[in-house]
Structures are given as C-alpha cells and as structure tokens.
C-alpha atoms as a PDB file:
ATOM      1  CA  MET A   1     -95.622 194.023 -12.531  1.00  0.00           C
ATOM      2  CA  LYS A   2     -96.985 195.984 -15.494  1.00  0.00           C
ATOM      3  CA  ALA A   3     -93.887 195.286 -17.615  1.00  0.00           C
ATOM      4  CA  THR A   4     -94.057 191.575 -16.757  1.00  0.00           C
ATOM      5  CA  TYR A   5     -97.727 191.437 -17.738  1.00  0.00           C
ATOM      6  CA  ILE A   6     -97.025 193.188 -21.053  1.00  0.00           C
ATOM      7  CA  ARG A   7     -94.166 190.762 -21.798  1.00  0.00           C
ATOM      8  CA  ALA A   8     -96.494 187.840 -21.040  1.00  0.00           C
ATOM      9  CA  MET A   9     -99.065 189.352 -23.407  1.00  0.00           C
ATOM     10  CA  ASP A  10     -96.340 189.651 -26.073  1.00  0.00           C
ATOM     11  CA  HIS A  11     -95.742 185.895 -25.791  1.00  0.00           C
ATOM     12  CA  LEU A  12     -99.476 185.170 -25.795  1.00  0.00           C
ATOM     13  CA  HIS A  13     -99.908 187.413 -28.856  1.00  0.00           C
ATOM     14  CA  ARG A  14     -97.178 185.498 -30.680  1.00  0.00           C
ATOM     15  CA  ALA A  15     -98.748 182.151 -29.707  1.00  0.00           C
ATOM     16  CA  CYS A  16    -102.163 183.267 -31.031  1.00  0.00           C
ATOM     17  CA  LEU A  17    -100.505 184.381 -34.273  1.00  0.00           C
ATOM     18  CA  ILE A  18     -98.734 181.030 -34.653  1.00  0.00           C
ATOM     19  CA  VAL A  19    -101.915 179.040 -33.959  1.00  0.00           C
ATOM     20  CA  ALA A  20    -103.912 181.115 -36.468  1.00  0.00           C
ATOM     21  CA  GLY A  21    -101.183 180.723 -39.076  1.00  0.00           C
ATOM     22  CA  ALA A  22    -100.888 176.978 -38.474  1.00  0.00           C
ATOM     23  CA  CYS A  23    -104.661 176.603 -38.866  1.00  0.00           C
ATOM     24  CA  LEU A  24    -104.506 178.435 -42.185  1.00  0.00           C
ATOM     25  CA  VAL A  25    -101.655 176.234 -43.441  1.00  0.00           C
ATOM     26  CA  ILE A  26    -103.451 173.035 -42.408  1.00  0.00           C
ATOM     27  CA  ILE A  27    -106.680 174.192 -44.066  1.00  0.00           C
ATOM     28  CA  THR A  28    -104.726 174.984 -47.212  1.00  0.00           C
ATOM     29  CA  LEU A  29    -103.338 171.439 -47.220  1.00  0.00           C
ATOM     30  CA  ILE A  30    -106.439 169.409 -46.372  1.00  0.00           C
ATOM     31  CA  ILE A  31    -108.953 171.066 -48.706  1.00  0.00           C
ATOM     32  CA  PRO A  32    -107.013 170.090 -51.865  1.00  0.00           C
ATOM     33  CA  TYR A  33    -106.678 166.585 -50.396  1.00  0.00           C
ATOM     34  CA  GLY A  34    -110.454 166.406 -50.041  1.00  0.00           C
ATOM     35  CA  VAL A  35    -110.932 167.617 -53.612  1.00  0.00           C
ATOM     36  CA  PHE A  36    -108.350 165.088 -54.848  1.00  0.00           C
ATOM     37  CA  THR A  37    -110.006 162.140 -53.113  1.00  0.00           C
ATOM     38  CA  ARG A  38    -113.456 163.176 -54.299  1.00  0.00           C
ATOM     39  CA  TYR A  39    -112.779 163.929 -57.960  1.00  0.00           C
ATOM     40  CA  VAL A  40    -109.649 161.934 -58.800  1.00  0.00           C
ATOM     41  CA  LEU A  41    -110.044 158.844 -56.646  1.00  0.00           C
ATOM     42  CA  ASN A  42    -113.871 158.887 -56.711  1.00  0.00           C
ATOM     43  CA  SER A  43    -113.810 158.076 -53.004  1.00  0.00           C
ATOM     44  CA  ALA A  44    -114.504 161.194 -50.989  1.00  0.00           C
ATOM     45  CA  ALA A  45    -112.826 161.468 -47.597  1.00  0.00           C
ATOM     46  CA  SER A  46    -115.391 162.498 -45.016  1.00  0.00           C
ATOM     47  CA  TRP A  47    -113.066 164.373 -42.662  1.00  0.00           C
ATOM     48  CA  PRO A  48    -111.398 167.250 -44.616  1.00  0.00           C
ATOM     49  CA  GLU A  49    -114.425 169.546 -44.802  1.00  0.00           C
ATOM     50  CA  PRO A  50    -115.527 169.318 -41.130  1.00  0.00           C
ATOM     51  CA  LEU A  51    -111.914 169.564 -39.962  1.00  0.00           C
ATOM     52  CA  ALA A  52    -111.405 172.632 -42.136  1.00  0.00           C
ATOM     53  CA  THR A  53    -114.542 174.156 -40.611  1.00  0.00           C
ATOM     54  CA  LEU A  54    -113.286 173.540 -37.074  1.00  0.00           C
ATOM     55  CA  LEU A  55    -109.866 174.952 -37.929  1.00  0.00           C
ATOM     56  CA  MET A  56    -111.512 178.005 -39.523  1.00  0.00           C
ATOM     57  CA  ILE A  57    -113.334 178.674 -36.265  1.00  0.00           C
ATOM     58  CA  VAL A  58    -110.112 178.419 -34.252  1.00  0.00           C
ATOM     59  CA  MET A  59    -108.273 180.585 -36.784  1.00  0.00           C
ATOM     60  CA  SER A  60    -111.010 183.234 -36.688  1.00  0.00           C
ATOM     61  CA  PHE A  61    -110.930 183.571 -32.912  1.00  0.00           C
ATOM     62  CA  MET A  62    -107.117 183.610 -32.735  1.00  0.00           C
ATOM     63  CA  ALA A  63    -106.846 186.113 -35.585  1.00  0.00           C
ATOM     64  CA  ALA A  64    -109.452 188.335 -33.910  1.00  0.00           C
ATOM     65  CA  ILE A  65    -107.328 188.356 -30.756  1.00  0.00           C
ATOM     66  CA  VAL A  66    -104.246 189.334 -32.756  1.00  0.00           C
ATOM     67  CA  CYS A  67    -106.172 192.053 -34.584  1.00  0.00           C
ATOM     68  CA  TYR A  68    -107.503 193.469 -31.329  1.00  0.00           C
ATOM     69  CA  ARG A  69    -104.026 193.783 -29.851  1.00  0.00           C
ATOM     70  CA  GLU A  70    -102.618 195.361 -33.012  1.00  0.00           C
ATOM     71  CA  TYR A  71    -105.506 197.864 -33.328  1.00  0.00           C
ATOM     72  CA  LEU A  72    -106.584 196.200 -36.576  1.00  0.00           C
ATOM     73  CA  HIS A  73    -110.091 195.315 -35.389  1.00  0.00           C
ATOM     74  CA  ILE A  74    -113.090 197.065 -36.829  1.00  0.00           C
ATOM     75  CA  GLY A  75    -113.364 200.417 -35.173  1.00  0.00           C
ATOM     76  CA  VAL A  76    -114.288 203.930 -36.069  1.00  0.00           C
ATOM     77  CA  GLY A  77    -111.306 206.163 -35.442  1.00  0.00           C
ATOM     78  CA  VAL A  78    -112.897 209.422 -36.494  1.00  0.00           C
ATOM     79  CA  LEU A  79    -114.531 210.242 -33.161  1.00  0.00           C
ATOM     80  CA  PRO A  80    -111.370 209.900 -31.006  1.00  0.00           C
ATOM     81  CA  VAL A  81    -109.446 212.170 -33.402  1.00  0.00           C
ATOM     82  CA  TYR A  82    -111.929 214.984 -32.847  1.00  0.00           C
ATOM     83  CA  LEU A  83    -112.200 214.554 -29.070  1.00  0.00           C
ATOM     84  CA  LYS A  84    -109.988 216.424 -26.638  1.00  0.00           C
ATOM     85  CA  GLU A  85    -108.204 214.642 -23.841  1.00  0.00           C
ATOM     86  CA  PRO A  86    -110.652 214.101 -20.978  1.00  0.00           C
ATOM     87  CA  ALA A  87    -113.468 213.016 -23.307  1.00  0.00           C
ATOM     88  CA  LYS A  88    -111.109 210.851 -25.372  1.00  0.00           C
ATOM     89  CA  THR A  89    -109.902 209.018 -22.260  1.00  0.00           C
ATOM     90  CA  TRP A  90    -113.461 208.511 -20.977  1.00  0.00           C
ATOM     91  CA  LEU A  91    -114.497 207.115 -24.364  1.00  0.00           C
ATOM     92  CA  GLY A  92    -111.527 204.736 -24.269  1.00  0.00           C
ATOM     93  CA  TRP A  93    -112.443 203.487 -20.797  1.00  0.00           C
ATOM     94  CA  PHE A  94    -116.090 203.066 -21.793  1.00  0.00           C
ATOM     95  CA  LEU A  95    -115.214 201.062 -24.910  1.00  0.00           C
ATOM     96  CA  GLU A  96    -112.739 198.838 -23.083  1.00  0.00           C
ATOM     97  CA  ILE A  97    -115.213 198.148 -20.282  1.00  0.00           C
ATOM     98  CA  CYS A  98    -117.771 197.143 -22.946  1.00  0.00           C
ATOM     99  CA  MET A  99    -115.144 194.877 -24.531  1.00  0.00           C
ATOM    100  CA  LEU A 100    -114.317 193.340 -21.167  1.00  0.00           C
ATOM    101  CA  VAL A 101    -117.980 192.657 -20.373  1.00  0.00           C
ATOM    102  CA  THR A 102    -118.519 191.111 -23.825  1.00  0.00           C
ATOM    103  CA  ASN A 103    -115.470 188.874 -23.511  1.00  0.00           C
ATOM    104  CA  LEU A 104    -116.317 187.791 -19.980  1.00  0.00           C
ATOM    105  CA  PHE A 105    -119.796 186.909 -21.270  1.00  0.00           C
ATOM    106  CA  MET A 106    -118.148 184.782 -23.986  1.00  0.00           C
ATOM    107  CA  LEU A 107    -115.931 183.137 -21.389  1.00  0.00           C
ATOM    108  CA  VAL A 108    -118.638 182.293 -18.846  1.00  0.00           C
ATOM    109  CA  TRP A 109    -121.443 181.294 -21.212  1.00  0.00           C
ATOM    110  CA  GLY A 110    -119.022 179.655 -23.633  1.00  0.00           C
ATOM    111  CA  LEU A 111    -117.798 177.394 -20.837  1.00  0.00           C
ATOM    112  CA  LYS A 112    -121.409 176.535 -20.022  1.00  0.00           C
ATOM    113  CA  LEU A 113    -121.990 175.685 -23.692  1.00  0.00           C
ATOM    114  CA  VAL A 114    -118.883 173.484 -23.754  1.00  0.00           C
ATOM    115  CA  GLU A 115    -120.058 171.747 -20.582  1.00  0.00           C
ATOM    116  CA  ALA A 116    -123.606 171.236 -21.900  1.00  0.00           C
ATOM    117  CA  THR A 117    -122.440 169.711 -25.183  1.00  0.00           C
ATOM    118  CA  TYR A 118    -119.354 167.883 -23.963  1.00  0.00           C
ATOM    119  CA  PHE A 119    -120.838 164.384 -24.191  1.00  0.00           C
ATOM    120  CA  GLN A 120    -122.249 164.787 -27.699  1.00  0.00           C
ATOM    121  CA  VAL A 121    -120.081 163.578 -30.549  1.00  0.00           C
ATOM    122  CA  ILE A 122    -119.443 164.908 -34.027  1.00  0.00           C
ATOM    123  CA  ALA A 123    -120.540 162.330 -36.616  1.00  0.00           C
ATOM    124  CA  GLU A 124    -117.415 162.753 -38.760  1.00  0.00           C
ATOM    125  CA  PHE A 125    -115.120 162.626 -35.691  1.00  0.00           C
ATOM    126  CA  PRO A 126    -116.526 160.194 -33.109  1.00  0.00           C
ATOM    127  CA  ILE A 127    -113.504 160.785 -30.861  1.00  0.00           C
ATOM    128  CA  LEU A 128    -114.111 164.569 -30.839  1.00  0.00           C
ATOM    129  CA  SER A 129    -116.735 166.049 -28.572  1.00  0.00           C
ATOM    130  CA  VAL A 130    -119.100 168.796 -29.738  1.00  0.00           C
ATOM    131  CA  GLY A 131    -118.105 170.631 -26.568  1.00  0.00           C
ATOM    132  CA  ILE A 132    -114.486 170.679 -27.699  1.00  0.00           C
ATOM    133  CA  SER A 133    -115.565 172.232 -30.988  1.00  0.00           C
ATOM    134  CA  TYR A 134    -117.181 175.077 -28.998  1.00  0.00           C
ATOM    135  CA  LEU A 135    -114.038 175.608 -26.925  1.00  0.00           C
ATOM    136  CA  PRO A 136    -112.744 178.485 -29.122  1.00  0.00           C
ATOM    137  CA  ILE A 137    -115.609 180.670 -27.830  1.00  0.00           C
ATOM    138  CA  PRO A 138    -114.582 180.774 -24.154  1.00  0.00           C
ATOM    139  CA  LEU A 139    -110.910 180.582 -25.086  1.00  0.00           C
ATOM    140  CA  GLY A 140    -111.251 183.575 -27.406  1.00  0.00           C
ATOM    141  CA  GLY A 141    -113.238 185.493 -24.800  1.00  0.00           C
ATOM    142  CA  GLY A 142    -110.740 184.770 -22.037  1.00  0.00           C
ATOM    143  CA  LEU A 143    -107.668 185.605 -24.093  1.00  0.00           C
ATOM    144  CA  THR A 144    -109.180 188.797 -25.474  1.00  0.00           C
ATOM    145  CA  ALA A 145    -110.132 189.811 -21.920  1.00  0.00           C
ATOM    146  CA  LEU A 146    -106.449 189.503 -20.981  1.00  0.00           C
ATOM    147  CA  PHE A 147    -105.543 191.889 -23.788  1.00  0.00           C
ATOM    148  CA  VAL A 148    -108.321 194.276 -22.726  1.00  0.00           C
ATOM    149  CA  ILE A 149    -106.818 194.303 -19.238  1.00  0.00           C
ATOM    150  CA  GLU A 150    -103.428 195.058 -20.789  1.00  0.00           C
ATOM    151  CA  ARG A 151    -104.898 197.977 -22.701  1.00  0.00           C
ATOM    152  CA  MET A 152    -106.565 199.273 -19.537  1.00  0.00           C
ATOM    153  CA  MET A 153    -103.258 199.007 -17.667  1.00  0.00           C
ATOM    154  CA  THR A 154    -101.359 200.953 -20.321  1.00  0.00           C
ATOM    155  CA  GLY A 155    -104.126 203.495 -20.939  1.00  0.00           C
ATOM    156  CA  LYS A 156    -103.384 203.434 -24.666  1.00  0.00           C
ATOM    157  CA  PHE A 157    -106.932 203.064 -25.914  1.00  0.00           C
ATOM    158  CA  PHE A 158    -106.614 204.252 -29.484  1.00  0.00           C
ATOM    159  CA  GLN A 159    -103.895 203.777 -32.009  1.00  0.00           C
ATOM    160  CA  GLU A 160    -102.440 207.107 -32.889  1.00  0.00           C
ATOM    161  CA  ALA A 161    -103.477 208.158 -36.366  1.00  0.00           C
ATOM    162  CA  GLU A 162    -100.755 208.993 -38.827  1.00  0.00           C
ATOM    163  CA  ALA A 163     -99.990 212.700 -39.144  1.00  0.00           C
ATOM    164  CA  GLU A 164    -101.144 212.720 -42.784  1.00  0.00           C
ATOM    165  CA  THR A 165    -104.552 211.292 -41.840  1.00  0.00           C
ATOM    166  CA  VAL A 166    -105.026 213.737 -38.969  1.00  0.00           C
ATOM    167  CA  SER A 167    -104.186 216.733 -41.133  1.00  0.00           C
ATOM    168  CA  GLN A 168    -106.693 215.571 -43.753  1.00  0.00           C
ATOM    169  CA  LEU A 169    -109.435 215.189 -41.121  1.00  0.00           C
ATOM    170  CA  THR A 170    -108.822 218.571 -39.527  1.00  0.00           C
ATOM    171  CA  THR A 171    -108.660 220.503 -42.819  1.00  0.00           C
ATOM    172  CA  GLU A 172    -111.925 219.125 -44.160  1.00  0.00           C
END
C-alpha cells in the first residue's frame, strides 16, 4: 500500500511539474504578444495580461507543491541538525501536522470561496468564472496535503544535510 501511494505521488509530482512548466512557457509566449499588439499594432489585446496573471497563480501553486516534495521549500534546517533523534522526530511530526492543518484549511475554505464566487465573471474573460480563477487555492491545498501524508507515511521529515554542511555546523 505504502509503495503504491508513493508511486502515485511520483506521478502526481511529475504532473504538477509539467503543469507549472507549461504555465511558464505559455506566459513567456503571450506577454510578448501583448507587447507586440500594444506597441507595434497600436491595438492592445485585452486578454494577455489577465491570462498571464491567472497562469502565474496556477504556476505558483504547482511549483510550491513540487518544492515541498523535493525539500526545496523555505525551511530552517539548522534546528533539526542539532536535535537528537526523539526530539527531531517529534519536531518533524509537529511541523507536518501544522502543514496538514494549513493545507486542509486551504482546501475547505478555498472550495467555499470557489463556490461563493462561481457565478461572477471576469470582465476580460466572460466565459471564465471568478470561482474558477480561485480554484488553484483548494487544488494546491489538497495536493500538498497528499504529499504531507506521504511524508508522514515515510517518516522522512527532513532532507539529510550534506556531510560538508553538517561538519561546518558542528565545528562552529
């Protein structure tokens, strides 16, 4: 069961990475188009900037998920290096429980936000609901919660510091 869950999280991790990368590529393509239509054609397109903003939001949430799984998120690694095993494990559990609570909050209240704003429209995109633009919040919270559960299942709470870094910390 645990191995199957980790394999599923590997596929989900890859999907988040692909979505974040695709958003970045699309943003990179549409912003120059918007500049071209505004300054060369003197007829500004109204959609590139709001679409780029929406894609930036999606990219940010997906990239945050990837960073969390790869231990690249903002975190202070000094304290776990100095802690011995029972305290280090307790700190890991405490931090992951806090992460789980935060992400479940994002999931539940994000869904309520999507529901509350679903029938409002974005002026630049009349076919796109405001609620859909808020969808990355609960989606990001739910997906990150899955990775938190994975980390709790494996018990690997902190990325192991490189030997060079550890020796520098302990000699100072």
